Amino acid sequence: MAIVIIIIPHFTSVLVRIYAWMVLLGSDGFVNQVLRALGLIDTRLKLMYTPLGVLIGMTYILLPYMVLALYSVMRGIDPQLLRVAYSLGASRFRAFWRIFLPLSLPGVAAGSLLVFILSIGFFVTPALMGSPRDTMIAMVIENQLEVYFNWGFASALSALLLLCTLLLFWVYVRVVGLERLFEAKG
């Protein structure tokens, strides 16, 4: 059931979900109204057009990708391993730390890589929920194309973005190991 709750919002457009967050986080939005009604704040919080607003929006969009990567690996872990650890005297924390967490690391690695690759080119969420000071490289590229018609600089930035992505991916593969991403058995 929880997996359905995570997947259902993806049937809605990203733009619609971002606008929903803009309504929730606005100066007269639901979050501010609830916090004021509970007496936790006196003045409205500025949640929109800030780095915090961008972070909330990006987390909401990207979190399901991480959860699904983790879920696929965690589902393949044999629950008997934890039962054996309990029967041998391990506490719940110790069994998690020594058995479950190491076995779920391929999901952490795969989810981290997926979220990183998706987030590096994020455009819509920072453009709508952030301020002009909170720019991502995709926004700079778009600005160079649409406003300044500077195709050369936009191309150079795009190539630099691709190069940085490939370089960071190479470092990731060297540190984590690509075979580690595929070692979980389903």
N, C-alpha and C. Protein backbone atom coordinates (compact mmCIF):
# COMPACT_ATOMS: atom_id res chain seq x y z
N MET A 1 0.82 -1.20 0.00
CA MET A 1 0.00 0.00 0.00
C MET A 1 0.87 1.26 0.00
N ALA A 2 1.96 1.24 0.77
CA ALA A 2 2.83 2.41 0.84
C ALA A 2 3.45 2.71 -0.52
N ILE A 3 3.78 1.67 -1.27
CA ILE A 3 4.40 1.87 -2.58
C ILE A 3 3.42 2.54 -3.53
N VAL A 4 2.13 2.22 -3.39
CA VAL A 4 1.10 2.86 -4.22
C VAL A 4 1.00 4.34 -3.89
N ILE A 5 1.09 4.67 -2.62
CA ILE A 5 1.04 6.08 -2.19
C ILE A 5 2.22 6.86 -2.76
N ILE A 6 3.36 6.19 -2.89
CA ILE A 6 4.55 6.84 -3.45
C ILE A 6 4.42 7.02 -4.96
N ILE A 7 3.83 6.05 -5.63
CA ILE A 7 3.76 6.07 -7.10
C ILE A 7 2.61 6.94 -7.62
N ILE A 8 1.48 6.98 -6.94
CA ILE A 8 0.29 7.70 -7.42
C ILE A 8 0.58 9.15 -7.82
N PRO A 9 1.31 9.94 -7.04
CA PRO A 9 1.55 11.32 -7.48
C PRO A 9 2.28 11.44 -8.81
N HIS A 10 3.02 10.39 -9.21
CA HIS A 10 3.74 10.45 -10.48
C HIS A 10 2.82 10.35 -11.68
N PHE A 11 1.55 10.05 -11.46
CA PHE A 11 0.58 10.05 -12.54
C PHE A 11 0.10 11.47 -12.85
N THR A 12 0.49 12.41 -12.02
CA THR A 12 0.17 13.82 -12.21
C THR A 12 1.40 14.53 -12.75
N SER A 13 1.17 15.53 -13.54
CA SER A 13 2.27 16.30 -14.13
C SER A 13 3.15 16.93 -13.05
N VAL A 14 4.44 17.01 -13.33
CA VAL A 14 5.38 17.66 -12.42
C VAL A 14 4.96 19.10 -12.19
N LEU A 15 4.51 19.75 -13.22
CA LEU A 15 4.10 21.15 -13.11
C LEU A 15 2.93 21.31 -12.14
N VAL A 16 1.97 20.42 -12.21
CA VAL A 16 0.82 20.48 -11.30
C VAL A 16 1.27 20.26 -9.86
N ARG A 17 2.17 19.32 -9.65
CA ARG A 17 2.67 19.05 -8.30
C ARG A 17 3.46 20.24 -7.76
N ILE A 18 4.21 20.90 -8.61
CA ILE A 18 4.97 22.07 -8.16
C ILE A 18 4.02 23.21 -7.80
N TYR A 19 3.00 23.43 -8.62
CA TYR A 19 2.02 24.47 -8.30
C TYR A 19 1.29 24.16 -6.99
N ALA A 20 1.04 22.89 -6.72
CA ALA A 20 0.42 22.51 -5.45
C ALA A 20 1.32 22.90 -4.28
N TRP A 21 2.62 22.63 -4.42
CA TRP A 21 3.55 23.03 -3.38
C TRP A 21 3.62 24.55 -3.25
N MET A 22 3.51 25.25 -4.35
CA MET A 22 3.52 26.72 -4.29
C MET A 22 2.32 27.23 -3.49
N VAL A 23 1.17 26.59 -3.65
CA VAL A 23 -0.02 26.97 -2.88
C VAL A 23 0.18 26.63 -1.40
N LEU A 24 0.74 25.46 -1.12
CA LEU A 24 0.94 25.05 0.26
C LEU A 24 1.96 25.93 0.99
N LEU A 25 3.03 26.33 0.29
CA LEU A 25 4.13 27.07 0.93
C LEU A 25 4.01 28.59 0.79
N GLY A 26 3.00 29.07 0.09
CA GLY A 26 2.85 30.51 -0.12
C GLY A 26 2.66 31.27 1.19
N SER A 27 2.73 32.60 1.11
CA SER A 27 2.63 33.42 2.32
C SER A 27 1.28 33.25 3.01
N ASP A 28 0.22 32.99 2.26
CA ASP A 28 -1.09 32.68 2.83
C ASP A 28 -1.43 31.21 2.62
N GLY A 29 -0.44 30.40 2.43
CA GLY A 29 -0.63 28.99 2.14
C GLY A 29 -1.01 28.18 3.36
N PHE A 30 -1.27 26.92 3.12
CA PHE A 30 -1.72 26.01 4.15
C PHE A 30 -0.72 25.89 5.30
N VAL A 31 0.55 25.80 5.00
CA VAL A 31 1.58 25.63 6.04
C VAL A 31 1.59 26.83 6.97
N ASN A 32 1.61 28.03 6.42
CA ASN A 32 1.59 29.23 7.26
C ASN A 32 0.31 29.34 8.06
N GLN A 33 -0.82 29.01 7.47
CA GLN A 33 -2.10 29.09 8.18
C GLN A 33 -2.14 28.11 9.35
N VAL A 34 -1.67 26.90 9.14
CA VAL A 34 -1.67 25.90 10.21
C VAL A 34 -0.72 26.32 11.34
N LEU A 35 0.47 26.78 10.97
CA LEU A 35 1.44 27.20 12.00
C LEU A 35 0.93 28.40 12.80
N ARG A 36 0.24 29.31 12.13
CA ARG A 36 -0.33 30.47 12.84
C ARG A 36 -1.51 30.04 13.71
N ALA A 37 -2.33 29.12 13.21
CA ALA A 37 -3.48 28.65 13.99
C ALA A 37 -3.03 27.90 15.25
N LEU A 38 -1.92 27.19 15.15
CA LEU A 38 -1.38 26.48 16.31
C LEU A 38 -0.61 27.40 17.25
N GLY A 39 -0.40 28.65 16.85
CA GLY A 39 0.31 29.61 17.68
C GLY A 39 1.81 29.42 17.68
N LEU A 40 2.34 28.70 16.70
CA LEU A 40 3.78 28.47 16.65
C LEU A 40 4.54 29.64 16.04
N ILE A 41 3.87 30.44 15.23
CA ILE A 41 4.50 31.61 14.62
C ILE A 41 3.55 32.80 14.72
N ASP A 42 4.12 34.00 14.75
CA ASP A 42 3.31 35.23 14.77
C ASP A 42 3.22 35.85 13.39
N THR A 43 4.34 35.83 12.69
CA THR A 43 4.37 36.39 11.34
C THR A 43 4.54 35.25 10.34
N ARG A 44 4.16 35.54 9.12
CA ARG A 44 4.24 34.52 8.07
C ARG A 44 5.69 34.17 7.76
N LEU A 45 5.94 32.89 7.55
CA LEU A 45 7.27 32.44 7.14
C LEU A 45 7.40 32.60 5.64
N LYS A 46 8.58 32.98 5.19
CA LYS A 46 8.85 33.07 3.77
C LYS A 46 9.41 31.73 3.32
N LEU A 47 8.53 30.90 2.79
CA LEU A 47 8.93 29.56 2.35
C LEU A 47 9.09 29.48 0.84
N MET A 48 8.39 30.32 0.13
CA MET A 48 8.49 30.32 -1.33
C MET A 48 9.57 31.28 -1.79
N TYR A 49 10.15 30.97 -2.94
CA TYR A 49 11.19 31.78 -3.57
C TYR A 49 12.42 31.89 -2.68
N THR A 50 12.71 30.78 -2.01
CA THR A 50 13.89 30.67 -1.16
C THR A 50 14.56 29.33 -1.47
N PRO A 51 15.81 29.17 -1.05
CA PRO A 51 16.45 27.86 -1.22
C PRO A 51 15.69 26.74 -0.50
N LEU A 52 15.06 27.05 0.63
CA LEU A 52 14.27 26.04 1.33
C LEU A 52 13.09 25.58 0.49
N GLY A 53 12.42 26.49 -0.17
CA GLY A 53 11.30 26.12 -1.05
C GLY A 53 11.76 25.23 -2.19
N VAL A 54 12.90 25.57 -2.79
CA VAL A 54 13.46 24.74 -3.86
C VAL A 54 13.82 23.35 -3.32
N LEU A 55 14.41 23.31 -2.14
CA LEU A 55 14.78 22.03 -1.53
C LEU A 55 13.55 21.17 -1.27
N ILE A 56 12.49 21.77 -0.75
CA ILE A 56 11.26 21.02 -0.49
C ILE A 56 10.69 20.48 -1.80
N GLY A 57 10.63 21.32 -2.82
CA GLY A 57 10.08 20.90 -4.11
C GLY A 57 10.91 19.80 -4.76
N MET A 58 12.22 19.97 -4.76
CA MET A 58 13.09 18.96 -5.37
C MET A 58 13.05 17.65 -4.59
N THR A 59 13.00 17.73 -3.28
CA THR A 59 12.91 16.52 -2.47
C THR A 59 11.62 15.78 -2.77
N TYR A 60 10.53 16.52 -2.87
CA TYR A 60 9.25 15.88 -3.16
C TYR A 60 9.26 15.19 -4.52
N ILE A 61 9.89 15.79 -5.50
CA ILE A 61 9.93 15.21 -6.84
C ILE A 61 10.88 14.01 -6.89
N LEU A 62 12.02 14.09 -6.20
CA LEU A 62 13.06 13.07 -6.33
C LEU A 62 12.99 11.95 -5.29
N LEU A 63 12.33 12.17 -4.17
CA LEU A 63 12.28 11.17 -3.11
C LEU A 63 11.72 9.83 -3.57
N PRO A 64 10.67 9.79 -4.39
CA PRO A 64 10.16 8.48 -4.83
C PRO A 64 11.19 7.65 -5.59
N TYR A 65 12.08 8.27 -6.33
CA TYR A 65 13.10 7.52 -7.05
C TYR A 65 14.05 6.82 -6.07
N MET A 66 14.40 7.50 -5.01
CA MET A 66 15.27 6.90 -3.99
C MET A 66 14.53 5.79 -3.26
N VAL A 67 13.28 6.05 -2.90
CA VAL A 67 12.50 5.06 -2.18
C VAL A 67 12.30 3.80 -3.01
N LEU A 68 12.00 3.96 -4.29
CA LEU A 68 11.78 2.79 -5.14
C LEU A 68 13.06 1.98 -5.33
N ALA A 69 14.20 2.67 -5.44
CA ALA A 69 15.48 1.95 -5.55
C ALA A 69 15.77 1.18 -4.27
N LEU A 70 15.53 1.80 -3.14
CA LEU A 70 15.74 1.11 -1.86
C LEU A 70 14.77 -0.04 -1.67
N TYR A 71 13.51 0.19 -2.03
CA TYR A 71 12.48 -0.83 -1.85
C TYR A 71 12.80 -2.09 -2.64
N SER A 72 13.26 -1.90 -3.86
CA SER A 72 13.54 -3.08 -4.70
C SER A 72 14.65 -3.93 -4.10
N VAL A 73 15.63 -3.30 -3.48
CA VAL A 73 16.72 -4.07 -2.87
C VAL A 73 16.28 -4.65 -1.52
N MET A 74 15.59 -3.85 -0.72
CA MET A 74 15.18 -4.31 0.60
C MET A 74 14.19 -5.47 0.52
N ARG A 75 13.40 -5.48 -0.50
CA ARG A 75 12.42 -6.56 -0.66
C ARG A 75 13.13 -7.89 -0.93
N GLY A 76 14.31 -7.84 -1.52
CA GLY A 76 15.05 -9.05 -1.82
C GLY A 76 15.87 -9.60 -0.67
N ILE A 77 15.91 -8.87 0.45
CA ILE A 77 16.67 -9.35 1.61
C ILE A 77 15.83 -10.39 2.35
N ASP A 78 16.42 -11.53 2.59
CA ASP A 78 15.73 -12.64 3.24
C ASP A 78 15.45 -12.30 4.71
N PRO A 79 14.18 -12.26 5.13
CA PRO A 79 13.86 -11.94 6.53
C PRO A 79 14.39 -12.98 7.52
N GLN A 80 14.70 -14.16 7.04
CA GLN A 80 15.25 -15.21 7.91
C GLN A 80 16.60 -14.78 8.50
N LEU A 81 17.34 -13.97 7.75
CA LEU A 81 18.64 -13.51 8.26
C LEU A 81 18.47 -12.71 9.54
N LEU A 82 17.45 -11.85 9.59
CA LEU A 82 17.21 -11.07 10.79
C LEU A 82 16.71 -11.96 11.93
N ARG A 83 15.86 -12.92 11.62
CA ARG A 83 15.37 -13.84 12.65
C ARG A 83 16.52 -14.65 13.26
N VAL A 84 17.44 -15.06 12.42
CA VAL A 84 18.61 -15.79 12.93
C VAL A 84 19.43 -14.89 13.84
N ALA A 85 19.61 -13.65 13.45
CA ALA A 85 20.38 -12.70 14.29
C ALA A 85 19.69 -12.51 15.63
N TYR A 86 18.36 -12.38 15.65
CA TYR A 86 17.62 -12.23 16.90
C TYR A 86 17.79 -13.48 17.77
N SER A 87 17.72 -14.64 17.13
CA SER A 87 17.83 -15.89 17.90
C SER A 87 19.24 -16.07 18.48
N LEU A 88 20.22 -15.44 17.87
CA LEU A 88 21.59 -15.51 18.39
C LEU A 88 21.89 -14.40 19.38
N GLY A 89 20.86 -13.61 19.73
CA GLY A 89 21.03 -12.61 20.78
C GLY A 89 21.25 -11.18 20.31
N ALA A 90 21.17 -10.92 19.03
CA ALA A 90 21.37 -9.55 18.54
C ALA A 90 20.12 -8.72 18.83
N SER A 91 20.35 -7.46 19.20
CA SER A 91 19.22 -6.54 19.38
C SER A 91 18.70 -6.13 18.00
N ARG A 92 17.56 -5.48 17.97
CA ARG A 92 17.00 -5.02 16.69
C ARG A 92 17.96 -4.04 16.01
N PHE A 93 18.54 -3.13 16.79
CA PHE A 93 19.48 -2.16 16.23
C PHE A 93 20.71 -2.86 15.68
N ARG A 94 21.25 -3.79 16.44
CA ARG A 94 22.47 -4.50 16.01
C ARG A 94 22.20 -5.33 14.75
N ALA A 95 21.05 -6.00 14.69
CA ALA A 95 20.70 -6.78 13.50
C ALA A 95 20.54 -5.87 12.28
N PHE A 96 19.93 -4.72 12.49
CA PHE A 96 19.79 -3.77 11.38
C PHE A 96 21.16 -3.29 10.93
N TRP A 97 21.99 -2.88 11.88
CA TRP A 97 23.29 -2.29 11.57
C TRP A 97 24.26 -3.27 10.93
N ARG A 98 24.25 -4.52 11.37
CA ARG A 98 25.23 -5.49 10.90
C ARG A 98 24.74 -6.35 9.73
N ILE A 99 23.40 -6.46 9.56
CA ILE A 99 22.89 -7.34 8.51
C ILE A 99 22.08 -6.58 7.46
N PHE A 100 21.02 -5.92 7.91
CA PHE A 100 20.10 -5.31 6.96
C PHE A 100 20.73 -4.13 6.21
N LEU A 101 21.40 -3.24 6.91
CA LEU A 101 22.00 -2.07 6.26
C LEU A 101 23.06 -2.44 5.23
N PRO A 102 24.02 -3.31 5.56
CA PRO A 102 25.00 -3.68 4.53
C PRO A 102 24.37 -4.34 3.30
N LEU A 103 23.34 -5.14 3.51
CA LEU A 103 22.68 -5.79 2.38
C LEU A 103 21.86 -4.81 1.54
N SER A 104 21.46 -3.68 2.14
CA SER A 104 20.67 -2.70 1.39
C SER A 104 21.53 -1.60 0.75
N LEU A 105 22.83 -1.63 0.95
CA LEU A 105 23.70 -0.61 0.37
C LEU A 105 23.67 -0.53 -1.16
N PRO A 106 23.48 -1.63 -1.88
CA PRO A 106 23.33 -1.49 -3.34
C PRO A 106 22.13 -0.61 -3.72
N GLY A 107 21.07 -0.68 -2.95
CA GLY A 107 19.91 0.19 -3.20
C GLY A 107 20.22 1.64 -2.90
N VAL A 108 20.99 1.87 -1.85
CA VAL A 108 21.41 3.24 -1.52
C VAL A 108 22.28 3.79 -2.64
N ALA A 109 23.20 2.97 -3.12
CA ALA A 109 24.09 3.39 -4.21
C ALA A 109 23.30 3.67 -5.48
N ALA A 110 22.40 2.77 -5.86
CA ALA A 110 21.62 2.95 -7.08
C ALA A 110 20.70 4.15 -6.97
N GLY A 111 20.04 4.30 -5.82
CA GLY A 111 19.14 5.44 -5.62
C GLY A 111 19.88 6.76 -5.62
N SER A 112 21.05 6.79 -5.00
CA SER A 112 21.85 8.03 -4.97
C SER A 112 22.28 8.43 -6.37
N LEU A 113 22.71 7.46 -7.15
CA LEU A 113 23.13 7.75 -8.51
C LEU A 113 21.96 8.26 -9.35
N LEU A 114 20.83 7.60 -9.23
CA LEU A 114 19.64 8.01 -9.99
C LEU A 114 19.19 9.41 -9.61
N VAL A 115 19.12 9.69 -8.33
CA VAL A 115 18.69 11.02 -7.87
C VAL A 115 19.69 12.08 -8.28
N PHE A 116 20.97 11.78 -8.19
CA PHE A 116 21.98 12.75 -8.61
C PHE A 116 21.83 13.10 -10.09
N ILE A 117 21.71 12.08 -10.93
CA ILE A 117 21.62 12.32 -12.37
C ILE A 117 20.36 13.10 -12.71
N LEU A 118 19.26 12.79 -12.03
CA LEU A 118 18.02 13.54 -12.29
C LEU A 118 18.10 14.97 -11.77
N SER A 119 18.75 15.18 -10.64
CA SER A 119 18.76 16.51 -10.04
C SER A 119 19.73 17.47 -10.71
N ILE A 120 20.77 16.96 -11.34
CA ILE A 120 21.78 17.85 -11.91
C ILE A 120 21.22 18.71 -13.04
N GLY A 121 20.21 18.22 -13.72
CA GLY A 121 19.61 19.00 -14.79
C GLY A 121 18.24 19.57 -14.44
N PHE A 122 17.94 19.67 -13.15
CA PHE A 122 16.63 20.17 -12.73
C PHE A 122 16.42 21.59 -13.24
N PHE A 123 15.22 21.83 -13.74
CA PHE A 123 14.93 23.14 -14.30
C PHE A 123 13.62 23.72 -13.76
N VAL A 124 12.53 22.99 -13.88
CA VAL A 124 11.21 23.54 -13.61
C VAL A 124 11.04 23.92 -12.14
N THR A 125 11.41 23.03 -11.23
CA THR A 125 11.21 23.30 -9.81
C THR A 125 11.98 24.52 -9.34
N PRO A 126 13.28 24.65 -9.61
CA PRO A 126 13.97 25.86 -9.16
C PRO A 126 13.48 27.13 -9.87
N ALA A 127 13.05 26.98 -11.12
CA ALA A 127 12.57 28.16 -11.84
C ALA A 127 11.27 28.69 -11.25
N LEU A 128 10.41 27.81 -10.79
CA LEU A 128 9.12 28.24 -10.25
C LEU A 128 9.15 28.51 -8.75
N MET A 129 9.91 27.74 -8.00
CA MET A 129 9.88 27.86 -6.55
C MET A 129 11.04 28.66 -5.97
N GLY A 130 12.04 28.95 -6.78
CA GLY A 130 13.20 29.67 -6.29
C GLY A 130 13.19 31.12 -6.71
N SER A 131 14.15 31.85 -6.23
CA SER A 131 14.31 33.26 -6.60
C SER A 131 15.33 33.35 -7.73
N PRO A 132 15.47 34.50 -8.34
CA PRO A 132 16.50 34.64 -9.38
C PRO A 132 17.91 34.35 -8.87
N ARG A 133 18.13 34.46 -7.57
CA ARG A 133 19.45 34.14 -7.01
C ARG A 133 19.68 32.64 -6.90
N ASP A 134 18.59 31.86 -6.90
CA ASP A 134 18.69 30.40 -6.74
C ASP A 134 18.62 29.75 -8.11
N THR A 135 19.71 29.87 -8.86
CA THR A 135 19.70 29.32 -10.22
C THR A 135 20.48 28.02 -10.27
N MET A 136 20.01 27.15 -11.13
CA MET A 136 20.70 25.90 -11.41
C MET A 136 21.32 26.05 -12.80
N ILE A 137 22.24 25.18 -13.13
CA ILE A 137 22.94 25.33 -14.41
C ILE A 137 21.98 25.19 -15.59
N ALA A 138 20.96 24.36 -15.45
CA ALA A 138 19.98 24.22 -16.54
C ALA A 138 19.24 25.53 -16.78
N MET A 139 19.02 26.28 -15.72
CA MET A 139 18.36 27.59 -15.87
C MET A 139 19.28 28.59 -16.57
N VAL A 140 20.56 28.53 -16.27
CA VAL A 140 21.52 29.42 -16.93
C VAL A 140 21.60 29.09 -18.42
N ILE A 141 21.61 27.81 -18.75
CA ILE A 141 21.63 27.39 -20.16
C ILE A 141 20.39 27.89 -20.88
N GLU A 142 19.23 27.70 -20.25
CA GLU A 142 17.98 28.16 -20.86
C GLU A 142 17.97 29.67 -21.04
N ASN A 143 18.48 30.38 -20.06
CA ASN A 143 18.54 31.84 -20.13
C ASN A 143 19.43 32.30 -21.27
N GLN A 144 20.55 31.62 -21.46
CA GLN A 144 21.46 31.97 -22.55
C GLN A 144 20.80 31.73 -23.91
N LEU A 145 19.98 30.70 -23.99
CA LEU A 145 19.31 30.40 -25.26
C LEU A 145 18.13 31.33 -25.52
N GLU A 146 17.26 31.49 -24.53
CA GLU A 146 16.00 32.19 -24.73
C GLU A 146 16.12 33.71 -24.64
N VAL A 147 16.98 34.21 -23.77
CA VAL A 147 17.08 35.66 -23.56
C VAL A 147 18.19 36.27 -24.40
N TYR A 148 19.37 35.68 -24.36
CA TYR A 148 20.53 36.28 -25.01
C TYR A 148 20.84 35.69 -26.38
N PHE A 149 20.18 34.61 -26.75
CA PHE A 149 20.42 33.92 -28.03
C PHE A 149 21.90 33.59 -28.21
N ASN A 150 22.54 33.26 -27.11
CA ASN A 150 23.97 32.96 -27.11
C ASN A 150 24.14 31.43 -27.16
N TRP A 151 24.00 30.89 -28.35
CA TRP A 151 24.04 29.45 -28.54
C TRP A 151 25.41 28.87 -28.22
N GLY A 152 26.46 29.62 -28.50
CA GLY A 152 27.81 29.14 -28.25
C GLY A 152 28.07 28.93 -26.76
N PHE A 153 27.71 29.94 -25.95
CA PHE A 153 27.92 29.83 -24.51
C PHE A 153 27.02 28.76 -23.90
N ALA A 154 25.77 28.68 -24.37
CA ALA A 154 24.85 27.65 -23.90
C ALA A 154 25.38 26.26 -24.25
N SER A 155 25.94 26.12 -25.43
CA SER A 155 26.53 24.84 -25.83
C SER A 155 27.74 24.49 -24.97
N ALA A 156 28.56 25.49 -24.69
CA ALA A 156 29.72 25.26 -23.83
C ALA A 156 29.29 24.85 -22.43
N LEU A 157 28.28 25.52 -21.89
CA LEU A 157 27.77 25.15 -20.57
C LEU A 157 27.18 23.75 -20.58
N SER A 158 26.47 23.41 -21.64
CA SER A 158 25.88 22.07 -21.75
C SER A 158 26.98 21.01 -21.82
N ALA A 159 28.01 21.27 -22.59
CA ALA A 159 29.12 20.33 -22.68
C ALA A 159 29.83 20.21 -21.33
N LEU A 160 29.99 21.33 -20.64
CA LEU A 160 30.62 21.32 -19.32
C LEU A 160 29.76 20.53 -18.32
N LEU A 161 28.45 20.70 -18.40
CA LEU A 161 27.54 19.95 -17.54
C LEU A 161 27.65 18.45 -17.81
N LEU A 162 27.67 18.09 -19.08
CA LEU A 162 27.82 16.69 -19.46
C LEU A 162 29.17 16.14 -18.98
N LEU A 163 30.23 16.90 -19.17
CA LEU A 163 31.56 16.47 -18.74
C LEU A 163 31.62 16.29 -17.23
N CYS A 164 31.07 17.24 -16.49
CA CYS A 164 31.06 17.13 -15.03
C CYS A 164 30.24 15.92 -14.58
N THR A 165 29.11 15.70 -15.22
CA THR A 165 28.27 14.55 -14.89
C THR A 165 29.01 13.25 -15.14
N LEU A 166 29.66 13.15 -16.30
CA LEU A 166 30.42 11.94 -16.62
C LEU A 166 31.60 11.75 -15.67
N LEU A 167 32.27 12.84 -15.32
CA LEU A 167 33.40 12.77 -14.38
C LEU A 167 32.93 12.31 -13.01
N LEU A 168 31.85 12.89 -12.51
CA LEU A 168 31.34 12.49 -11.21
C LEU A 168 30.82 11.05 -11.24
N PHE A 169 30.22 10.66 -12.37
CA PHE A 169 29.77 9.27 -12.52
C PHE A 169 30.97 8.33 -12.50
N TRP A 170 32.06 8.71 -13.16
CA TRP A 170 33.27 7.89 -13.17
C TRP A 170 33.82 7.74 -11.74
N VAL A 171 33.87 8.86 -11.01
CA VAL A 171 34.34 8.81 -9.62
C VAL A 171 33.42 7.90 -8.80
N TYR A 172 32.14 8.02 -9.01
CA TYR A 172 31.16 7.20 -8.31
C TYR A 172 31.39 5.72 -8.59
N VAL A 173 31.61 5.38 -9.85
CA VAL A 173 31.86 3.99 -10.22
C VAL A 173 33.15 3.49 -9.60
N ARG A 174 34.17 4.33 -9.54
CA ARG A 174 35.45 3.93 -8.95
C ARG A 174 35.32 3.73 -7.44
N VAL A 175 34.54 4.58 -6.78
CA VAL A 175 34.41 4.49 -5.32
C VAL A 175 33.44 3.38 -4.93
N VAL A 176 32.25 3.39 -5.53
CA VAL A 176 31.20 2.42 -5.16
C VAL A 176 31.37 1.13 -5.92
N GLY A 177 31.71 1.23 -7.17
CA GLY A 177 31.81 0.04 -8.03
C GLY A 177 30.49 -0.23 -8.71
N LEU A 178 30.50 -0.26 -10.01
CA LEU A 178 29.27 -0.45 -10.77
C LEU A 178 28.66 -1.82 -10.51
N GLU A 179 29.51 -2.82 -10.28
CA GLU A 179 28.96 -4.15 -10.01
C GLU A 179 28.16 -4.16 -8.72
N ARG A 180 28.45 -3.26 -7.81
CA ARG A 180 27.72 -3.18 -6.54
C ARG A 180 26.27 -2.76 -6.76
N LEU A 181 26.04 -1.98 -7.82
CA LEU A 181 24.68 -1.54 -8.12
C LEU A 181 23.81 -2.71 -8.56
N PHE A 182 24.42 -3.75 -9.09
CA PHE A 182 23.65 -4.86 -9.65
C PHE A 182 23.75 -6.15 -8.84
N GLU A 183 24.31 -6.09 -7.63
CA GLU A 183 24.51 -7.33 -6.89
C GLU A 183 23.31 -7.78 -6.10
N ALA A 184 22.26 -6.95 -5.98
CA ALA A 184 21.06 -7.39 -5.25
C ALA A 184 20.30 -8.41 -6.07
N LYS A 185 19.82 -9.41 -5.40
CA LYS A 185 19.06 -10.46 -6.09
C LYS A 185 17.59 -10.29 -5.78
N GLY A 186 16.74 -10.39 -6.82
CA GLY A 186 15.32 -10.15 -6.62
C GLY A 186 14.54 -11.33 -6.46
